[in-house]
N, C-alpha and C. Protein backbone atom coordinates (compact mmCIF):
# COMPACT_ATOMS: atom_id res chain seq x y z
N MET A 1 7.66 -6.59 -7.58
CA MET A 1 7.73 -5.09 -7.35
C MET A 1 6.28 -4.64 -6.85
N HIS A 2 6.35 -3.84 -6.00
CA HIS A 2 5.17 -3.27 -5.86
C HIS A 2 4.86 -1.89 -5.11
N PHE A 3 4.19 -1.00 -6.12
CA PHE A 3 4.43 0.35 -5.81
C PHE A 3 3.35 0.71 -4.75
N ILE A 4 4.14 1.01 -3.30
CA ILE A 4 3.16 0.89 -2.29
C ILE A 4 2.70 2.73 -2.07
N THR A 5 3.36 3.69 -2.64
CA THR A 5 3.37 5.39 -2.94
C THR A 5 3.76 5.59 -4.20
N GLU A 6 4.00 6.56 -4.90
CA GLU A 6 4.25 6.98 -6.43
C GLU A 6 5.77 7.16 -6.21
N SER A 7 6.30 6.83 -4.75
CA SER A 7 8.16 6.71 -4.75
C SER A 7 8.63 5.84 -3.76
N LEU A 8 7.69 4.80 -3.29
CA LEU A 8 8.25 3.99 -2.43
C LEU A 8 7.45 2.53 -2.76
N LEU A 9 8.40 1.29 -3.27
CA LEU A 9 7.97 0.39 -3.28
C LEU A 9 8.36 -0.57 -2.74
N VAL A 10 7.86 -2.05 -2.53
CA VAL A 10 8.57 -3.53 -1.85
C VAL A 10 8.85 -4.42 -2.99
N GLY A 11 9.81 -4.74 -3.12
CA GLY A 11 10.43 -6.14 -3.92
C GLY A 11 10.85 -6.96 -3.45
N ASN A 12 11.09 -8.02 -4.22
CA ASN A 12 11.69 -9.27 -4.16
C ASN A 12 13.72 -9.09 -3.91
N ILE A 13 14.14 -10.32 -3.46
CA ILE A 13 15.31 -10.74 -3.59
C ILE A 13 16.06 -10.42 -5.13
N ASN A 14 15.20 -10.86 -6.08
CA ASN A 14 15.24 -10.72 -7.55
C ASN A 14 14.95 -9.37 -7.99
N ASP A 15 14.48 -8.57 -7.44
CA ASP A 15 14.70 -6.75 -7.80
C ASP A 15 15.59 -6.14 -7.43
N ALA A 16 16.00 -6.80 -6.18
CA ALA A 16 17.13 -6.05 -5.51
C ALA A 16 18.22 -6.35 -6.16
N ALA A 17 18.54 -7.57 -6.90
CA ALA A 17 19.64 -7.61 -7.44
C ALA A 17 19.51 -7.01 -9.00
N GLU A 18 18.18 -7.19 -9.78
CA GLU A 18 18.16 -5.93 -10.91
C GLU A 18 17.29 -5.27 -11.00
N PRO A 19 17.24 -4.40 -9.83
CA PRO A 19 15.98 -3.05 -10.13
C PRO A 19 16.27 -2.23 -11.50
N PRO A 20 14.82 -2.47 -11.71
CA PRO A 20 14.32 -1.65 -13.22
C PRO A 20 14.64 -0.14 -12.68
N PRO A 21 15.39 0.63 -14.22
CA PRO A 21 15.83 2.17 -13.98
C PRO A 21 14.90 2.86 -13.70
N GLN A 22 13.75 2.87 -13.03
CA GLN A 22 13.19 4.20 -12.56
C GLN A 22 13.58 3.97 -11.61
N ILE A 23 13.96 2.63 -10.68
CA ILE A 23 14.40 2.91 -9.56
C ILE A 23 15.78 3.27 -8.80
N SER A 24 16.21 4.18 -8.13
CA SER A 24 17.61 4.63 -7.75
C SER A 24 18.10 4.39 -6.43
N ALA A 25 17.14 3.62 -5.41
CA ALA A 25 17.98 3.51 -4.39
C ALA A 25 16.94 1.72 -3.98
N VAL A 26 17.97 1.18 -3.46
CA VAL A 26 17.18 -0.29 -2.81
C VAL A 26 17.71 -0.26 -1.35
N LEU A 27 16.85 -0.74 -0.30
CA LEU A 27 17.25 -0.59 0.61
C LEU A 27 17.20 -2.26 1.31
N LEU A 28 18.05 -3.35 1.57
CA LEU A 28 17.90 -4.40 1.21
C LEU A 28 17.96 -5.05 2.83
N VAL A 29 16.79 -6.28 3.25
CA VAL A 29 16.21 -6.38 4.79
C VAL A 29 16.63 -7.83 4.65
N ALA A 30 17.02 -8.27 3.91
CA ALA A 30 16.97 -9.66 4.26
C ALA A 30 18.41 -10.39 4.65
N ALA A 31 18.20 -10.68 6.20
CA ALA A 31 19.33 -10.95 6.46
C ALA A 31 20.18 -11.83 5.85
N GLU A 32 19.73 -13.15 5.42
CA GLU A 32 20.33 -14.08 4.64
C GLU A 32 20.70 -13.84 3.05
N PHE A 33 20.54 -12.98 2.75
CA PHE A 33 21.22 -12.43 1.24
C PHE A 33 22.24 -11.33 1.44
N THR A 34 22.69 -11.20 0.08
CA THR A 34 23.51 -10.10 -0.53
C THR A 34 23.71 -10.03 -1.83
N VAL A 35 23.92 -8.79 -2.04
CA VAL A 35 23.73 -8.61 -3.76
C VAL A 35 24.92 -7.88 -3.71
N ARG A 36 24.87 -7.50 -4.94
CA ARG A 36 26.24 -6.63 -5.86
C ARG A 36 25.41 -5.98 -6.67
N PRO A 37 25.50 -4.76 -5.98
CA PRO A 37 24.38 -3.67 -6.48
C PRO A 37 25.04 -2.96 -7.74
N SER A 38 24.55 -2.27 -8.74
CA SER A 38 24.50 -1.44 -9.76
C SER A 38 25.35 -0.39 -9.37
N SER A 39 26.58 0.29 -9.98
CA SER A 39 27.24 1.27 -9.37
C SER A 39 26.44 2.39 -9.70
N TRP A 40 25.55 2.44 -10.22
CA TRP A 40 24.66 3.74 -10.57
C TRP A 40 23.72 3.77 -9.22
N LEU A 41 23.61 3.04 -8.55
CA LEU A 41 21.99 3.11 -7.84
C LEU A 41 22.97 2.89 -6.17
N LEU A 42 21.74 3.67 -5.21
CA LEU A 42 22.12 3.95 -3.83
C LEU A 42 21.74 2.34 -3.07
N PHE A 43 22.60 2.07 -2.26
CA PHE A 43 22.61 0.93 -2.12
C PHE A 43 22.52 0.81 -0.37
N GLY A 44 21.48 0.42 0.37
CA GLY A 44 21.87 -0.14 1.80
C GLY A 44 21.33 -1.58 2.22
N ARG A 45 21.95 -1.85 3.53
CA ARG A 45 21.46 -3.44 3.90
C ARG A 45 21.46 -3.41 5.08
N ILE A 46 20.40 -3.70 6.01
CA ILE A 46 20.10 -3.37 7.20
C ILE A 46 18.98 -4.98 7.57
N PRO A 47 20.10 -5.71 7.75
CA PRO A 47 19.98 -7.55 8.08
C PRO A 47 18.56 -7.75 9.02
N PHE A 48 17.31 -7.87 8.89
CA PHE A 48 16.42 -8.56 10.06
C PHE A 48 16.22 -10.01 9.25
N SER A 49 15.75 -10.52 10.70
CA SER A 49 15.68 -12.28 10.56
C SER A 49 14.09 -12.41 10.11
N GLU A 50 14.14 -13.40 9.22
CA GLU A 50 13.03 -14.07 8.49
C GLU A 50 12.43 -14.19 9.59
N TYR A 51 10.70 -13.94 9.76
CA TYR A 51 9.47 -14.37 10.24
C TYR A 51 9.79 -13.72 12.30
N ALA A 52 11.13 -13.01 12.13
CA ALA A 52 10.91 -12.50 13.66
C ALA A 52 10.36 -11.47 13.89
N GLU A 53 10.27 -11.13 15.37
CA GLU A 53 10.15 -9.47 15.44
C GLU A 53 10.76 -8.66 14.87
N ALA A 54 10.52 -7.43 14.55
CA ALA A 54 11.14 -6.73 14.43
C ALA A 54 12.42 -5.78 14.87
N GLU A 55 13.45 -5.76 15.57
CA GLU A 55 13.97 -5.32 16.00
C GLU A 55 13.83 -3.61 15.88
N PRO A 56 13.34 -3.20 17.30
CA PRO A 56 13.26 -1.71 17.15
C PRO A 56 14.34 -0.66 16.60
N VAL A 57 15.65 -0.93 16.92
CA VAL A 57 16.98 -0.51 16.85
C VAL A 57 17.01 -0.63 15.28
N LEU A 58 16.75 -1.80 14.43
CA LEU A 58 17.11 -2.06 13.42
C LEU A 58 16.11 -1.47 12.47
N LEU A 59 14.62 -1.75 12.74
CA LEU A 59 13.77 -0.85 12.42
C LEU A 59 13.66 0.78 12.08
N ASP A 60 14.73 1.56 13.12
CA ASP A 60 14.51 2.52 13.59
C ASP A 60 15.91 3.05 12.24
N GLN A 61 16.83 2.11 11.78
CA GLN A 61 17.80 2.39 11.20
C GLN A 61 17.34 2.73 9.76
N ALA A 62 16.15 1.53 9.40
CA ALA A 62 15.55 1.52 8.10
C ALA A 62 14.64 2.30 7.89
N VAL A 63 13.61 3.05 8.95
CA VAL A 63 12.88 3.92 8.81
C VAL A 63 13.83 5.28 8.50
N SER A 64 15.22 5.69 8.98
CA SER A 64 15.99 6.71 9.14
C SER A 64 16.82 6.47 7.53
N TRP A 65 16.99 5.33 7.04
CA TRP A 65 17.55 5.36 5.76
C TRP A 65 16.40 5.44 4.58
N VAL A 66 15.45 5.27 4.59
CA VAL A 66 14.46 5.87 3.48
C VAL A 66 14.31 6.76 3.20
N GLU A 67 14.15 7.61 4.98
CA GLU A 67 13.07 8.93 4.79
C GLU A 67 14.88 9.90 4.41
N GLN A 68 16.24 9.40 4.46
CA GLN A 68 17.20 10.02 4.05
C GLN A 68 17.18 10.52 2.57
N HIS A 69 16.77 8.93 1.67
CA HIS A 69 16.67 8.64 0.53
C HIS A 69 15.34 9.28 -0.43
N LEU A 70 14.53 9.10 0.56
CA LEU A 70 13.26 9.41 -0.67
C LEU A 70 12.81 10.28 -1.22
N SER A 71 13.54 11.39 -1.04
CA SER A 71 13.04 12.99 -0.75
C SER A 71 13.96 12.70 -2.36
N ASP A 72 14.72 12.30 -2.87
CA ASP A 72 15.18 12.62 -4.17
C ASP A 72 15.91 11.26 -5.08
N ASN A 73 14.74 10.17 -4.78
CA ASN A 73 14.92 8.87 -5.22
C ASN A 73 13.29 8.53 -5.25
N ARG A 74 13.70 7.38 -5.96
CA ARG A 74 12.34 6.03 -5.64
C ARG A 74 13.34 5.27 -5.10
N VAL A 75 12.49 4.86 -4.16
CA VAL A 75 12.96 3.37 -3.01
C VAL A 75 12.44 2.40 -3.24
N MET A 76 13.24 1.54 -3.11
CA MET A 76 12.69 -0.22 -3.34
C MET A 76 13.17 -0.48 -1.71
N VAL A 77 12.01 -1.15 -1.14
CA VAL A 77 12.82 -2.05 0.26
C VAL A 77 12.49 -3.38 -0.09
N CYS A 78 13.90 -4.05 -0.38
CA CYS A 78 13.19 -5.55 -0.62
C CYS A 78 13.74 -6.42 1.02
N CYS A 79 13.11 -7.87 0.17
CA CYS A 79 13.31 -8.83 1.24
C CYS A 79 13.53 -9.86 0.41
N ARG A 80 13.15 -11.24 1.05
CA ARG A 80 13.44 -12.37 -0.07
C ARG A 80 12.46 -12.72 -0.65
N ALA A 81 11.10 -12.58 -0.12
CA ALA A 81 9.96 -12.50 -0.99
C ALA A 81 8.94 -10.93 -1.10
N GLY A 82 9.49 -10.24 -1.09
CA GLY A 82 8.65 -8.77 -0.88
C GLY A 82 7.59 -8.83 0.19
N MET A 83 7.38 -9.75 1.23
CA MET A 83 5.81 -9.56 1.65
C MET A 83 6.08 -9.37 2.95
N GLY A 84 6.98 -9.38 3.81
CA GLY A 84 7.07 -9.41 5.23
C GLY A 84 8.30 -8.69 5.61
N ARG A 85 9.17 -8.74 5.79
CA ARG A 85 10.62 -7.55 6.24
C ARG A 85 10.28 -6.36 5.53
N SER A 86 10.51 -6.42 3.99
CA SER A 86 10.15 -5.32 3.14
C SER A 86 9.09 -4.51 3.51
N VAL A 87 7.94 -4.86 3.64
CA VAL A 87 6.61 -4.38 4.03
C VAL A 87 6.50 -3.78 5.23
N SER A 88 6.89 -4.32 6.64
CA SER A 88 7.23 -4.12 7.42
C SER A 88 8.24 -2.67 7.64
N VAL A 89 8.95 -1.94 6.91
CA VAL A 89 9.72 -1.63 6.87
C VAL A 89 8.91 -0.57 6.25
N VAL A 90 8.47 -0.86 5.35
CA VAL A 90 7.82 0.60 4.56
C VAL A 90 6.24 0.86 5.43
N MET A 91 6.03 0.13 5.73
CA MET A 91 4.74 0.23 6.99
C MET A 91 5.31 0.95 8.28
N ALA A 92 6.59 0.64 8.67
CA ALA A 92 7.00 1.80 9.70
C ALA A 92 7.34 3.18 8.95
N TYR A 93 7.93 3.21 8.15
CA TYR A 93 8.56 4.56 7.55
C TYR A 93 6.94 5.55 7.06
N LEU A 94 6.05 4.71 6.75
CA LEU A 94 4.88 5.74 6.84
C LEU A 94 4.06 6.13 8.17
N CYS A 95 4.14 4.94 9.31
CA CYS A 95 3.82 5.67 10.33
C CYS A 95 4.61 6.87 11.31
N CYS A 96 5.93 6.22 10.57
CA CYS A 96 6.83 7.43 11.73
C CYS A 96 7.16 8.23 11.39
N VAL A 97 7.37 8.94 9.89
CA VAL A 97 7.32 9.81 9.39
C VAL A 97 6.72 10.75 8.45
N GLN A 98 5.37 9.86 8.19
CA GLN A 98 4.11 10.54 6.93
C GLN A 98 3.31 10.58 8.14
N GLY A 99 3.28 10.01 9.47
CA GLY A 99 2.33 10.20 10.58
C GLY A 99 1.19 9.66 10.35
N MET A 100 0.80 8.52 9.33
CA MET A 100 -0.24 7.72 8.91
C MET A 100 -0.19 6.62 10.46
N THR A 101 -1.91 6.66 10.49
CA THR A 101 -1.82 5.43 11.77
C THR A 101 -1.46 4.21 11.22
N TYR A 102 -1.35 3.01 12.20
CA TYR A 102 -1.24 1.88 11.60
C TYR A 102 -2.30 1.08 11.19
N ALA A 103 -3.41 1.32 11.44
CA ALA A 103 -4.61 0.61 10.70
C ALA A 103 -4.83 1.24 9.58
N GLU A 104 -4.48 3.03 8.58
CA GLU A 104 -4.33 3.19 7.88
C GLU A 104 -3.08 2.49 6.74
N VAL A 105 -2.11 2.59 7.15
CA VAL A 105 -0.94 1.98 6.78
C VAL A 105 -1.35 0.37 6.11
N LEU A 106 -1.80 -0.32 7.09
CA LEU A 106 -2.19 -1.69 7.09
C LEU A 106 -3.02 -1.90 5.96
N LYS A 107 -4.31 -1.13 5.95
CA LYS A 107 -5.13 -1.51 4.85
C LYS A 107 -4.61 -0.74 3.75
N LEU A 108 -3.65 0.52 3.38
CA LEU A 108 -2.97 0.54 2.36
C LEU A 108 -1.67 -0.48 1.72
N VAL A 109 -1.17 -1.14 2.58
CA VAL A 109 -0.22 -2.03 2.22
C VAL A 109 -1.13 -3.57 1.55
N MET A 110 -2.40 -3.99 2.19
CA MET A 110 -2.83 -5.10 1.81
C MET A 110 -3.01 -4.70 0.87
N THR A 111 -3.63 -3.31 0.03
CA THR A 111 -4.26 -3.49 -0.76
C THR A 111 -3.30 -3.21 -1.93
N ARG A 112 -2.05 -2.48 -1.97
CA ARG A 112 -0.86 -2.70 -2.76
C ARG A 112 -0.55 -3.59 -2.96
N ARG A 113 -0.33 -4.53 -1.95
CA ARG A 113 0.91 -5.41 -1.86
C ARG A 113 -0.06 -6.64 -1.12
N PRO A 114 -1.01 -7.38 -2.38
CA PRO A 114 -1.78 -8.32 -1.73
C PRO A 114 -0.65 -9.79 -1.30
N GLY A 115 -1.14 -10.67 -0.14
CA GLY A 115 0.17 -11.40 0.60
C GLY A 115 0.97 -10.74 1.33
N ALA A 116 0.53 -9.34 1.79
CA ALA A 116 1.38 -8.69 2.38
C ALA A 116 1.28 -9.77 3.93
N MET A 117 2.69 -9.86 4.44
CA MET A 117 2.80 -10.35 6.03
C MET A 117 3.36 -9.76 6.92
N PRO A 118 3.00 -8.56 7.58
CA PRO A 118 4.15 -7.94 8.68
C PRO A 118 4.46 -8.71 9.31
N LEU A 119 5.93 -8.17 9.94
CA LEU A 119 6.25 -9.14 11.51
C LEU A 119 5.53 -9.27 12.61
N PRO A 120 5.71 -10.26 13.22
CA PRO A 120 4.98 -10.10 14.51
C PRO A 120 5.39 -8.96 15.20
N LYS A 121 4.19 -8.85 15.88
CA LYS A 121 4.24 -7.33 16.76
C LYS A 121 4.67 -6.22 16.03
N LEU A 122 4.76 -6.08 14.98
CA LEU A 122 5.06 -4.90 14.26
C LEU A 122 4.80 -3.55 14.71
N GLU A 123 3.16 -3.32 15.24
CA GLU A 123 2.87 -2.09 16.04
C GLU A 123 3.15 -1.60 16.83
N GLU A 124 3.84 -2.87 18.14
CA GLU A 124 4.24 -2.19 19.03
C GLU A 124 5.81 -2.09 18.81
N ALA A 125 6.67 -2.33 17.77
CA ALA A 125 7.71 -1.87 17.20
C ALA A 125 7.87 -0.75 16.46
N ILE A 126 7.25 -0.69 16.33
CA ILE A 126 6.72 0.89 15.56
C ILE A 126 6.37 2.18 16.69
N ALA A 127 5.89 1.43 17.56
CA ALA A 127 5.53 2.74 18.75
C ALA A 127 7.13 2.92 19.50
N GLN A 128 8.03 1.76 19.31
CA GLN A 128 9.07 1.99 20.13
C GLN A 128 10.10 2.92 19.41
N VAL A 129 9.73 2.85 17.94
CA VAL A 129 10.48 3.60 17.04
C VAL A 129 10.27 4.95 17.01
N ARG A 130 9.19 5.52 17.32
CA ARG A 130 8.48 6.26 17.26
C ARG A 130 9.21 6.82 18.63
N LEU A 131 8.93 6.39 19.78
CA LEU A 131 9.97 6.71 21.19
C LEU A 131 11.38 7.32 20.62
N LEU A 132 11.97 6.22 20.13
CA LEU A 132 13.72 6.28 19.98
C LEU A 132 13.21 7.92 18.81
N ARG A 133 12.94 7.88 18.07
CA ARG A 133 12.66 9.23 16.88
C ARG A 133 12.65 10.47 17.90
N GLU A 134 11.69 10.35 18.67
CA GLU A 134 11.28 11.40 19.45
C GLU A 134 12.40 11.96 20.55
N ALA A 135 12.88 10.82 21.04
CA ALA A 135 13.83 11.45 22.18
C ALA A 135 15.19 12.06 21.37
N ARG A 136 15.68 11.80 19.92
CA ARG A 136 16.66 12.25 19.26
C ARG A 136 16.27 13.38 18.86
N THR A 137 14.92 13.91 18.49
CA THR A 137 14.96 15.15 18.25
C THR A 137 14.58 16.12 19.35
N THR A 138 14.36 15.65 20.40
CA THR A 138 14.28 16.18 21.84
C THR A 138 15.49 16.77 21.96
N LYS A 139 16.69 15.75 22.20
CA LYS A 139 18.03 15.69 22.23
C LYS A 139 18.53 16.78 21.49
N ARG A 140 18.47 17.05 20.21
CA ARG A 140 18.69 18.05 19.09
C ARG A 140 17.94 19.43 19.53
N ASN A 141 16.87 19.55 19.69
CA ASN A 141 16.41 20.45 20.35
C ASN A 141 17.34 21.30 21.54
N SER A 142 17.30 20.26 22.34
CA SER A 142 18.11 20.81 23.73
C SER A 142 19.48 21.30 23.84
N LEU A 143 19.97 20.34 22.61
CA LEU A 143 21.61 21.07 22.62
C LEU A 143 21.58 21.83 21.47
N ALA A 144 20.63 22.70 20.84
CA ALA A 144 20.38 23.81 19.99
C ALA A 144 19.86 24.55 20.70
N SER A 145 19.47 24.26 22.12
CA SER A 145 19.09 25.99 22.58
C SER A 145 19.78 25.90 24.04
N HIS A 146 20.63 25.20 24.02
CA HIS A 146 21.64 25.45 25.37
C HIS A 146 23.00 24.48 24.91
N PRO A 147 23.82 25.47 24.22
CA PRO A 147 25.23 25.27 23.17
C PRO A 147 25.84 24.73 24.59
N ALA A 148 26.97 23.95 24.18
CA ALA A 148 28.07 23.43 25.68
C ALA A 148 29.22 24.65 25.57
N PRO A 149 29.09 25.15 27.22
CA PRO A 149 30.16 26.25 27.11
C PRO A 149 31.26 26.26 26.40
N GLY A 150 31.78 27.71 26.13
CA GLY A 150 32.56 27.63 25.29
C GLY A 150 32.21 27.69 24.20
N VAL A 151 31.20 27.42 23.62
CA VAL A 151 30.82 27.48 21.95
C VAL A 151 30.32 28.37 21.47
């Protein structure tokens, strides 16, 4: 288990199965594993394939999950080894939600999680997630300013 920020961590499959008490939310991003979460734990699973490029739609879902739960919880993102998929999701969150650059996030993660290996073409996938998030925001703002007739 490695702290990337004070409230956002990466971990491995053993950490996901038995998270320490200071963790209140776990997102498992390993397609090949399932765990039975403790009843007190907020738990999510978004399956990413190991060593494959991150699918932008799945990455967007994972970023949204972390964003939804991080304000009230210490969140740990876990995969098999806590080096690739989990790191990639955390990097995407920091870029897309916290507004950090890819270079800043890569430097932070490599310092906090020695041996980290982001998924192939992650920077491009993060750019696509940003576009998906911007499109949702634009659509919400458009709907809010132009309500449907009869509303």
